[in-house]
């Protein structure tokens, strides 16, 4: 039986690329979107409705998924959005919405499906993070904070699910040519003192997107994690990753081995 994979935010961007890649490899893909009816006829895989900002939508998703399939093998958390702007200029409510969707929505969905994964005693939870979940850049404070939060949450969850044979992994893309900036939210508040920095930050963001790599590299990396028996937790994808990120990655790998060893001896 082909493995069934649920992918959130599968109507565009990385999610669409990942869903198409996995579908082409023979996996039974179920994608989600807030408005699946807009895309269902155009896509080769099944689409169902999911709004990460809605408790009801999240809580009813497992029932709707298992009405279609008898088993779920892999969850890929991809849905989210980007808030841009100087930190002081962004209204707290907009920053809070960034967390409600990117962090809390992802956590709530994962928790809604964990009982099924624990019962079957296998599965994978793969979350698409960002290089900004490891380092931060100007103009992305709340986005970076939400991605840092996901990194910390799933680091801990990885240990907690080991005994159930459930693997947890993060995909950390660098800069890629996607439509993320076009779909971003920002604020009309402007503090004059930040005008020069804002201009430089916006120009830099445009530059790194233009110079970004082929997003197909991300879907290819996800496929590797899907097919790996024991995928590593952090999977960096993209060119131009700094030495600092590489050192941070290896430092965490050493720490992870130490923690797992201590847990096994407890």
C-alpha atoms as a PDB file:
ATOM      1  CA  UNK A   1       0.000   0.000   0.000  1.00  0.00           C
ATOM      2  CA  UNK A   2       1.346   3.436  -0.927  1.00  0.00           C
ATOM      3  CA  UNK A   3       2.075   5.674   2.031  1.00  0.00           C
ATOM      4  CA  UNK A   4      -0.398   8.471   2.680  1.00  0.00           C
ATOM      5  CA  UNK A   5       1.016  11.948   3.249  1.00  0.00           C
ATOM      6  CA  UNK A   6      -0.917  14.988   4.478  1.00  0.00           C
ATOM      7  CA  UNK A   7       0.582  18.319   3.377  1.00  0.00           C
ATOM      8  CA  UNK A   8      -0.739  21.632   4.683  1.00  0.00           C
ATOM      9  CA  UNK A   9      -0.704  24.702   2.446  1.00  0.00           C
ATOM     10  CA  UNK A  10      -0.440  22.591  -0.706  1.00  0.00           C
ATOM     11  CA  UNK A  11      -2.055  25.033  -3.123  1.00  0.00           C
ATOM     12  CA  UNK A  12       1.024  27.206  -3.767  1.00  0.00           C
ATOM     13  CA  UNK A  13       4.713  27.767  -3.005  1.00  0.00           C
ATOM     14  CA  UNK A  14       6.758  25.039  -1.359  1.00  0.00           C
ATOM     15  CA  UNK A  15       3.642  23.101  -0.433  1.00  0.00           C
ATOM     16  CA  UNK A  16       2.520  22.718  -4.033  1.00  0.00           C
ATOM     17  CA  UNK A  17       5.999  21.711  -5.177  1.00  0.00           C
ATOM     18  CA  UNK A  18       6.314  19.162  -2.374  1.00  0.00           C
ATOM     19  CA  UNK A  19       2.864  17.722  -3.040  1.00  0.00           C
ATOM     20  CA  UNK A  20       3.514  17.369  -6.781  1.00  0.00           C
ATOM     21  CA  UNK A  21       6.931  15.797  -6.152  1.00  0.00           C
ATOM     22  CA  UNK A  22       5.568  13.199  -3.743  1.00  0.00           C
ATOM     23  CA  UNK A  23       2.537  12.477  -5.907  1.00  0.00           C
ATOM     24  CA  UNK A  24       4.832  11.875  -8.901  1.00  0.00           C
ATOM     25  CA  UNK A  25       6.759   9.326  -6.818  1.00  0.00           C
ATOM     26  CA  UNK A  26       3.601   7.323  -6.166  1.00  0.00           C
ATOM     27  CA  UNK A  27       2.661   8.552  -2.702  1.00  0.00           C
ATOM     28  CA  UNK A  28      -0.995   9.061  -1.819  1.00  0.00           C
ATOM     29  CA  UNK A  29      -0.999  12.814  -1.239  1.00  0.00           C
ATOM     30  CA  UNK A  30      -3.727  14.773   0.530  1.00  0.00           C
ATOM     31  CA  UNK A  31      -3.192  18.516   0.396  1.00  0.00           C
ATOM     32  CA  UNK A  32      -4.922  21.212   2.402  1.00  0.00           C
ATOM     33  CA  UNK A  33      -5.999  24.750   1.624  1.00  0.00           C
ATOM     34  CA  UNK A  34      -8.431  27.244   3.087  1.00  0.00           C
ATOM     35  CA  UNK A  35     -10.317  27.103  -0.216  1.00  0.00           C
ATOM     36  CA  UNK A  36      -9.619  23.691  -1.768  1.00  0.00           C
ATOM     37  CA  UNK A  37     -12.459  24.017  -4.284  1.00  0.00           C
ATOM     38  CA  UNK A  38     -10.417  26.671  -6.121  1.00  0.00           C
ATOM     39  CA  UNK A  39      -7.612  24.209  -6.829  1.00  0.00           C
ATOM     40  CA  UNK A  40      -9.075  20.694  -6.725  1.00  0.00           C
ATOM     41  CA  UNK A  41      -9.836  20.447 -10.445  1.00  0.00           C
ATOM     42  CA  UNK A  42      -6.339  21.650 -11.387  1.00  0.00           C
ATOM     43  CA  UNK A  43      -4.315  19.346  -9.145  1.00  0.00           C
ATOM     44  CA  UNK A  44      -3.551  15.620  -9.486  1.00  0.00           C
ATOM     45  CA  UNK A  45      -3.881  14.949  -5.753  1.00  0.00           C
ATOM     46  CA  UNK A  46      -6.819  15.274  -3.371  1.00  0.00           C
ATOM     47  CA  UNK A  47      -7.418  18.595  -1.578  1.00  0.00           C
ATOM     48  CA  UNK A  48      -9.386  19.147   1.629  1.00  0.00           C
ATOM     49  CA  UNK A  49     -10.216  22.265   3.622  1.00  0.00           C
ATOM     50  CA  UNK A  50      -8.077  23.423   6.529  1.00  0.00           C
ATOM     51  CA  UNK A  51      -7.859  26.810   8.210  1.00  0.00           C
ATOM     52  CA  UNK A  52      -5.059  26.890  10.787  1.00  0.00           C
ATOM     53  CA  UNK A  53      -6.722  29.878  12.447  1.00  0.00           C
ATOM     54  CA  UNK A  54      -9.905  27.872  13.136  1.00  0.00           C
ATOM     55  CA  UNK A  55     -10.173  25.480  16.092  1.00  0.00           C
ATOM     56  CA  UNK A  56     -13.140  23.753  14.472  1.00  0.00           C
ATOM     57  CA  UNK A  57     -11.322  23.256  11.172  1.00  0.00           C
ATOM     58  CA  UNK A  58      -8.307  21.741  12.956  1.00  0.00           C
ATOM     59  CA  UNK A  59     -10.330  19.565  15.325  1.00  0.00           C
ATOM     60  CA  UNK A  60     -12.478  18.080  12.555  1.00  0.00           C
ATOM     61  CA  UNK A  61      -9.571  17.430  10.195  1.00  0.00           C
ATOM     62  CA  UNK A  62      -8.619  13.961  11.543  1.00  0.00           C
ATOM     63  CA  UNK A  63     -12.164  12.680  11.044  1.00  0.00           C
ATOM     64  CA  UNK A  64     -12.250  14.096   7.530  1.00  0.00           C
ATOM     65  CA  UNK A  65      -8.833  12.631   6.670  1.00  0.00           C
ATOM     66  CA  UNK A  66      -9.693   9.166   7.981  1.00  0.00           C
ATOM     67  CA  UNK A  67     -12.961   9.217   6.081  1.00  0.00           C
ATOM     68  CA  UNK A  68     -10.730   9.127   2.978  1.00  0.00           C
ATOM     69  CA  UNK A  69      -7.928   6.813   4.134  1.00  0.00           C
ATOM     70  CA  UNK A  70      -7.435   4.121   6.762  1.00  0.00           C
ATOM     71  CA  UNK A  71      -3.897   5.136   7.668  1.00  0.00           C
ATOM     72  CA  UNK A  72      -1.813   8.316   7.763  1.00  0.00           C
ATOM     73  CA  UNK A  73       1.923   7.775   7.468  1.00  0.00           C
ATOM     74  CA  UNK A  74       3.364  11.282   7.298  1.00  0.00           C
ATOM     75  CA  UNK A  75       2.296  14.800   8.233  1.00  0.00           C
ATOM     76  CA  UNK A  76       4.094  17.666   6.501  1.00  0.00           C
ATOM     77  CA  UNK A  77       3.483  21.012   8.217  1.00  0.00           C
ATOM     78  CA  UNK A  78       4.017  23.636   5.560  1.00  0.00           C
ATOM     79  CA  UNK A  79       1.188  26.192   5.783  1.00  0.00           C
ATOM     80  CA  UNK A  80       2.012  29.650   7.089  1.00  0.00           C
ATOM     81  CA  UNK A  81       2.535  33.239   6.013  1.00  0.00           C
ATOM     82  CA  UNK A  82       5.052  36.067   6.323  1.00  0.00           C
ATOM     83  CA  UNK A  83       4.718  39.332   8.223  1.00  0.00           C
ATOM     84  CA  UNK A  84       7.305  41.925   7.210  1.00  0.00           C
ATOM     85  CA  UNK A  85       8.183  45.250   8.730  1.00  0.00           C
ATOM     86  CA  UNK A  86      10.355  46.937  11.325  1.00  0.00           C
ATOM     87  CA  UNK A  87       9.581  45.387  14.720  1.00  0.00           C
ATOM     88  CA  UNK A  88       8.522  48.613  16.431  1.00  0.00           C
ATOM     89  CA  UNK A  89       6.187  49.490  13.567  1.00  0.00           C
ATOM     90  CA  UNK A  90       4.242  46.221  13.486  1.00  0.00           C
ATOM     91  CA  UNK A  91       1.041  46.256  15.572  1.00  0.00           C
ATOM     92  CA  UNK A  92       1.050  43.607  18.281  1.00  0.00           C
ATOM     93  CA  UNK A  93      -2.173  42.168  16.859  1.00  0.00           C
ATOM     94  CA  UNK A  94      -0.463  41.487  13.530  1.00  0.00           C
ATOM     95  CA  UNK A  95       2.482  39.902  15.330  1.00  0.00           C
ATOM     96  CA  UNK A  96       0.048  37.807  17.361  1.00  0.00           C
ATOM     97  CA  UNK A  97      -1.655  36.644  14.142  1.00  0.00           C
ATOM     98  CA  UNK A  98       1.743  35.581  12.812  1.00  0.00           C
ATOM     99  CA  UNK A  99       2.112  33.278  15.815  1.00  0.00           C
ATOM    100  CA  UNK A 100      -1.502  32.077  15.730  1.00  0.00           C
ATOM    101  CA  UNK A 101      -1.032  30.749  12.209  1.00  0.00           C
ATOM    102  CA  UNK A 102       2.637  29.795  11.909  1.00  0.00           C
ATOM    103  CA  UNK A 103       3.180  28.445  15.422  1.00  0.00           C
ATOM    104  CA  UNK A 104      -0.073  27.715  17.240  1.00  0.00           C
ATOM    105  CA  UNK A 105      -1.902  26.515  14.143  1.00  0.00           C
ATOM    106  CA  UNK A 106       0.905  24.085  13.363  1.00  0.00           C
ATOM    107  CA  UNK A 107       1.100  22.883  16.976  1.00  0.00           C
ATOM    108  CA  UNK A 108      -2.668  22.412  17.268  1.00  0.00           C
ATOM    109  CA  UNK A 109      -2.813  20.390  14.058  1.00  0.00           C
ATOM    110  CA  UNK A 110       0.125  18.233  15.116  1.00  0.00           C
ATOM    111  CA  UNK A 111      -1.510  17.584  18.489  1.00  0.00           C
ATOM    112  CA  UNK A 112      -4.797  16.696  16.794  1.00  0.00           C
ATOM    113  CA  UNK A 113      -3.067  13.948  14.813  1.00  0.00           C
ATOM    114  CA  UNK A 114      -0.656  12.658  17.468  1.00  0.00           C
ATOM    115  CA  UNK A 115      -3.174  10.196  19.016  1.00  0.00           C
ATOM    116  CA  UNK A 116      -3.433   8.423  15.642  1.00  0.00           C
ATOM    117  CA  UNK A 117       0.331   8.281  15.189  1.00  0.00           C
ATOM    118  CA  UNK A 118       0.823   6.965  18.735  1.00  0.00           C
ATOM    119  CA  UNK A 119      -1.848   4.303  18.289  1.00  0.00           C
ATOM    120  CA  UNK A 120      -0.259   2.953  15.103  1.00  0.00           C
ATOM    121  CA  UNK A 121       3.240   3.373  16.611  1.00  0.00           C
ATOM    122  CA  UNK A 122       4.904   4.768  13.525  1.00  0.00           C
ATOM    123  CA  UNK A 123       4.919   7.846  11.339  1.00  0.00           C
ATOM    124  CA  UNK A 124       6.786  11.006  10.513  1.00  0.00           C
ATOM    125  CA  UNK A 125       6.121  14.649  11.274  1.00  0.00           C
ATOM    126  CA  UNK A 126       8.042  16.942   8.935  1.00  0.00           C
ATOM    127  CA  UNK A 127       7.808  20.704   9.392  1.00  0.00           C
ATOM    128  CA  UNK A 128       8.950  23.293   6.872  1.00  0.00           C
ATOM    129  CA  UNK A 129      10.717  25.957   8.898  1.00  0.00           C
ATOM    130  CA  UNK A 130      13.122  28.575   7.587  1.00  0.00           C
ATOM    131  CA  UNK A 131      16.713  29.666   7.909  1.00  0.00           C
ATOM    132  CA  UNK A 132      15.180  32.561   9.869  1.00  0.00           C
ATOM    133  CA  UNK A 133      14.306  29.993  12.503  1.00  0.00           C
ATOM    134  CA  UNK A 134      18.045  29.792  13.190  1.00  0.00           C
ATOM    135  CA  UNK A 135      19.154  33.366  12.534  1.00  0.00           C
ATOM    136  CA  UNK A 136      17.111  36.558  12.104  1.00  0.00           C
ATOM    137  CA  UNK A 137      17.224  39.364   9.583  1.00  0.00           C
ATOM    138  CA  UNK A 138      15.897  42.953   9.732  1.00  0.00           C
ATOM    139  CA  UNK A 139      12.272  43.415   8.708  1.00  0.00           C
ATOM    140  CA  UNK A 140      11.268  39.847   9.689  1.00  0.00           C
ATOM    141  CA  UNK A 141      11.092  39.964  13.487  1.00  0.00           C
ATOM    142  CA  UNK A 142       7.763  38.192  14.064  1.00  0.00           C
ATOM    143  CA  UNK A 143       8.270  35.735  11.221  1.00  0.00           C
ATOM    144  CA  UNK A 144      11.707  34.822  12.575  1.00  0.00           C
ATOM    145  CA  UNK A 145      10.289  34.527  16.095  1.00  0.00           C
ATOM    146  CA  UNK A 146       7.523  32.180  14.927  1.00  0.00           C
ATOM    147  CA  UNK A 147      10.036  29.991  13.089  1.00  0.00           C
ATOM    148  CA  UNK A 148      12.394  29.969  16.100  1.00  0.00           C
ATOM    149  CA  UNK A 149       9.421  28.842  18.196  1.00  0.00           C
ATOM    150  CA  UNK A 150       8.674  25.962  15.812  1.00  0.00           C
ATOM    151  CA  UNK A 151      12.326  24.910  15.948  1.00  0.00           C
ATOM    152  CA  UNK A 152      12.267  24.732  19.752  1.00  0.00           C
ATOM    153  CA  UNK A 153       8.910  22.978  19.952  1.00  0.00           C
ATOM    154  CA  UNK A 154       9.773  20.225  17.511  1.00  0.00           C
ATOM    155  CA  UNK A 155      13.222  19.730  19.030  1.00  0.00           C
ATOM    156  CA  UNK A 156      11.515  18.742  22.271  1.00  0.00           C
ATOM    157  CA  UNK A 157       8.758  16.753  20.549  1.00  0.00           C
ATOM    158  CA  UNK A 158      11.375  14.684  18.718  1.00  0.00           C
ATOM    159  CA  UNK A 159      12.574  13.206  21.999  1.00  0.00           C
ATOM    160  CA  UNK A 160       9.078  12.621  23.364  1.00  0.00           C
ATOM    161  CA  UNK A 161       7.933  10.596  20.343  1.00  0.00           C
ATOM    162  CA  UNK A 162      11.002   8.380  19.944  1.00  0.00           C
ATOM    163  CA  UNK A 163       9.505   5.470  21.909  1.00  0.00           C
ATOM    164  CA  UNK A 164       6.475   5.462  19.602  1.00  0.00           C
ATOM    165  CA  UNK A 165       8.628   5.115  16.477  1.00  0.00           C
ATOM    166  CA  UNK A 166       7.477   8.533  15.280  1.00  0.00           C
ATOM    167  CA  UNK A 167      10.221  10.536  13.573  1.00  0.00           C
ATOM    168  CA  UNK A 168      10.294  14.339  13.731  1.00  0.00           C
ATOM    169  CA  UNK A 169      12.274  16.485  11.296  1.00  0.00           C
ATOM    170  CA  UNK A 170      12.593  20.116  10.222  1.00  0.00           C
ATOM    171  CA  UNK A 171      13.287  21.398   6.711  1.00  0.00           C
ATOM    172  CA  UNK A 172      15.182  24.709   6.916  1.00  0.00           C
ATOM    173  CA  UNK A 173      15.148  26.465   3.506  1.00  0.00           C
ATOM    174  CA  UNK A 174      17.407  29.404   2.811  1.00  0.00           C
ATOM    175  CA  UNK A 175      16.568  31.909   0.084  1.00  0.00           C
ATOM    176  CA  UNK A 176      14.507  30.600  -2.832  1.00  0.00           C
ATOM    177  CA  UNK A 177      12.551  32.093  -5.710  1.00  0.00           C
ATOM    178  CA  UNK A 178       8.997  31.781  -4.404  1.00  0.00           C
ATOM    179  CA  UNK A 179       5.934  34.006  -4.109  1.00  0.00           C
ATOM    180  CA  UNK A 180       6.302  34.412  -0.338  1.00  0.00           C
ATOM    181  CA  UNK A 181       6.910  38.169  -0.568  1.00  0.00           C
ATOM    182  CA  UNK A 182       3.861  38.666  -2.794  1.00  0.00           C
ATOM    183  CA  UNK A 183       1.664  36.944  -0.222  1.00  0.00           C
ATOM    184  CA  UNK A 184       3.197  38.658   2.808  1.00  0.00           C
ATOM    185  CA  UNK A 185       1.455  41.026   5.227  1.00  0.00           C
ATOM    186  CA  UNK A 186       2.913  44.273   6.486  1.00  0.00           C
ATOM    187  CA  UNK A 187       1.880  47.463   8.269  1.00  0.00           C
ATOM    188  CA  UNK A 188       1.197  50.976   7.051  1.00  0.00           C
ATOM    189  CA  UNK A 189       2.738  52.390  10.227  1.00  0.00           C
ATOM    190  CA  UNK A 190       5.931  54.235   9.449  1.00  0.00           C
ATOM    191  CA  UNK A 191       8.419  55.668  11.965  1.00  0.00           C
ATOM    192  CA  UNK A 192      10.640  58.181  10.228  1.00  0.00           C
ATOM    193  CA  UNK A 193      13.750  57.218  12.178  1.00  0.00           C
ATOM    194  CA  UNK A 194      13.679  53.811  10.447  1.00  0.00           C
ATOM    195  CA  UNK A 195      13.284  55.088   6.873  1.00  0.00           C
ATOM    196  CA  UNK A 196      16.881  54.430   5.844  1.00  0.00           C
ATOM    197  CA  UNK A 197      17.001  50.972   7.445  1.00  0.00           C
ATOM    198  CA  UNK A 198      13.603  50.049   6.021  1.00  0.00           C
ATOM    199  CA  UNK A 199      14.691  50.994   2.515  1.00  0.00           C
ATOM    200  CA  UNK A 200      17.914  48.987   2.798  1.00  0.00           C
ATOM    201  CA  UNK A 201      16.088  45.981   4.280  1.00  0.00           C
ATOM    202  CA  UNK A 202      13.466  45.940   1.546  1.00  0.00           C
ATOM    203  CA  UNK A 203      16.133  46.198  -1.151  1.00  0.00           C
ATOM    204  CA  UNK A 204      18.110  43.398   0.481  1.00  0.00           C
ATOM    205  CA  UNK A 205      14.995  41.192   0.655  1.00  0.00           C
ATOM    206  CA  UNK A 206      14.334  41.767  -3.042  1.00  0.00           C
ATOM    207  CA  UNK A 207      17.949  40.938  -3.832  1.00  0.00           C
ATOM    208  CA  UNK A 208      18.087  37.654  -1.929  1.00  0.00           C
ATOM    209  CA  UNK A 209      14.793  36.499  -3.476  1.00  0.00           C
ATOM    210  CA  UNK A 210      16.086  37.332  -6.956  1.00  0.00           C
ATOM    211  CA  UNK A 211      19.336  35.486  -6.213  1.00  0.00           C
ATOM    212  CA  UNK A 212      17.515  32.594  -4.544  1.00  0.00           C
ATOM    213  CA  UNK A 213      17.858  29.018  -5.653  1.00  0.00           C
ATOM    214  CA  UNK A 214      15.459  26.714  -7.438  1.00  0.00           C
ATOM    215  CA  UNK A 215      12.669  25.832  -4.974  1.00  0.00           C
ATOM    216  CA  UNK A 216      12.632  22.327  -6.438  1.00  0.00           C
ATOM    217  CA  UNK A 217      15.666  21.710  -4.197  1.00  0.00           C
ATOM    218  CA  UNK A 218      13.349  21.986  -1.191  1.00  0.00           C
ATOM    219  CA  UNK A 219      10.879  19.408  -2.492  1.00  0.00           C
ATOM    220  CA  UNK A 220      13.808  17.126  -3.319  1.00  0.00           C
ATOM    221  CA  UNK A 221      15.076  17.441   0.265  1.00  0.00           C
ATOM    222  CA  UNK A 222      11.615  16.688   1.638  1.00  0.00           C
ATOM    223  CA  UNK A 223      11.521  13.536  -0.508  1.00  0.00           C
ATOM    224  CA  UNK A 224      14.835  12.421   1.025  1.00  0.00           C
ATOM    225  CA  UNK A 225      13.444  12.906   4.531  1.00  0.00           C
ATOM    226  CA  UNK A 226      10.239  11.070   3.609  1.00  0.00           C
ATOM    227  CA  UNK A 227      12.245   8.095   2.326  1.00  0.00           C
ATOM    228  CA  UNK A 228      14.822   8.008   5.161  1.00  0.00           C
ATOM    229  CA  UNK A 229      14.316   5.429   7.920  1.00  0.00           C
ATOM    230  CA  UNK A 230      15.858   7.700  10.545  1.00  0.00           C
ATOM    231  CA  UNK A 231      16.010  11.251   9.189  1.00  0.00           C
ATOM    232  CA  UNK A 232      18.124  13.799  10.999  1.00  0.00           C
ATOM    233  CA  UNK A 233      16.214  16.529  12.787  1.00  0.00           C
ATOM    234  CA  UNK A 234      17.544  19.608  10.991  1.00  0.00           C
ATOM    235  CA  UNK A 235      17.778  19.572   7.193  1.00  0.00           C
ATOM    236  CA  UNK A 236      19.296  22.747   5.735  1.00  0.00           C
ATOM    237  CA  UNK A 237      18.531  23.517   2.085  1.00  0.00           C
ATOM    238  CA  UNK A 238      19.970  26.311  -0.036  1.00  0.00           C
ATOM    239  CA  UNK A 239      23.108  28.109  -1.053  1.00  0.00           C
ATOM    240  CA  UNK A 240      24.965  30.730   0.896  1.00  0.00           C
ATOM    241  CA  UNK A 241      24.389  29.297   4.363  1.00  0.00           C
ATOM    242  CA  UNK A 242      26.934  30.862   6.677  1.00  0.00           C
ATOM    243  CA  UNK A 243      29.627  29.104   8.657  1.00  0.00           C
ATOM    244  CA  UNK A 244      27.729  30.138  11.765  1.00  0.00           C
ATOM    245  CA  UNK A 245      24.689  28.090  10.721  1.00  0.00           C
ATOM    246  CA  UNK A 246      26.870  25.092   9.927  1.00  0.00           C
ATOM    247  CA  UNK A 247      28.590  25.287  13.308  1.00  0.00           C
ATOM    248  CA  UNK A 248      25.244  25.689  15.052  1.00  0.00           C
ATOM    249  CA  UNK A 249      23.971  22.598  13.213  1.00  0.00           C
ATOM    250  CA  UNK A 250      26.900  20.443  14.316  1.00  0.00           C
ATOM    251  CA  UNK A 251      26.729  21.758  17.882  1.00  0.00           C
ATOM    252  CA  UNK A 252      23.078  20.734  18.072  1.00  0.00           C
ATOM    253  CA  UNK A 253      23.864  17.297  16.592  1.00  0.00           C
ATOM    254  CA  UNK A 254      26.385  16.685  19.387  1.00  0.00           C
ATOM    255  CA  UNK A 255      23.941  17.916  22.030  1.00  0.00           C
ATOM    256  CA  UNK A 256      21.175  15.726  20.606  1.00  0.00           C
ATOM    257  CA  UNK A 257      23.307  12.594  20.826  1.00  0.00           C
ATOM    258  CA  UNK A 258      24.188  13.424  24.437  1.00  0.00           C
ATOM    259  CA  UNK A 259      20.533  13.944  25.416  1.00  0.00           C
ATOM    260  CA  UNK A 260      19.402  10.733  23.703  1.00  0.00           C
ATOM    261  CA  UNK A 261      22.181   8.782  25.436  1.00  0.00           C
ATOM    262  CA  UNK A 262      21.154  10.137  28.831  1.00  0.00           C
ATOM    263  CA  UNK A 263      17.490   9.377  28.167  1.00  0.00           C
ATOM    264  CA  UNK A 264      18.314   5.791  27.245  1.00  0.00           C
ATOM    265  CA  UNK A 265      20.324   5.381  30.450  1.00  0.00           C
ATOM    266  CA  UNK A 266      17.635   6.877  32.697  1.00  0.00           C
END
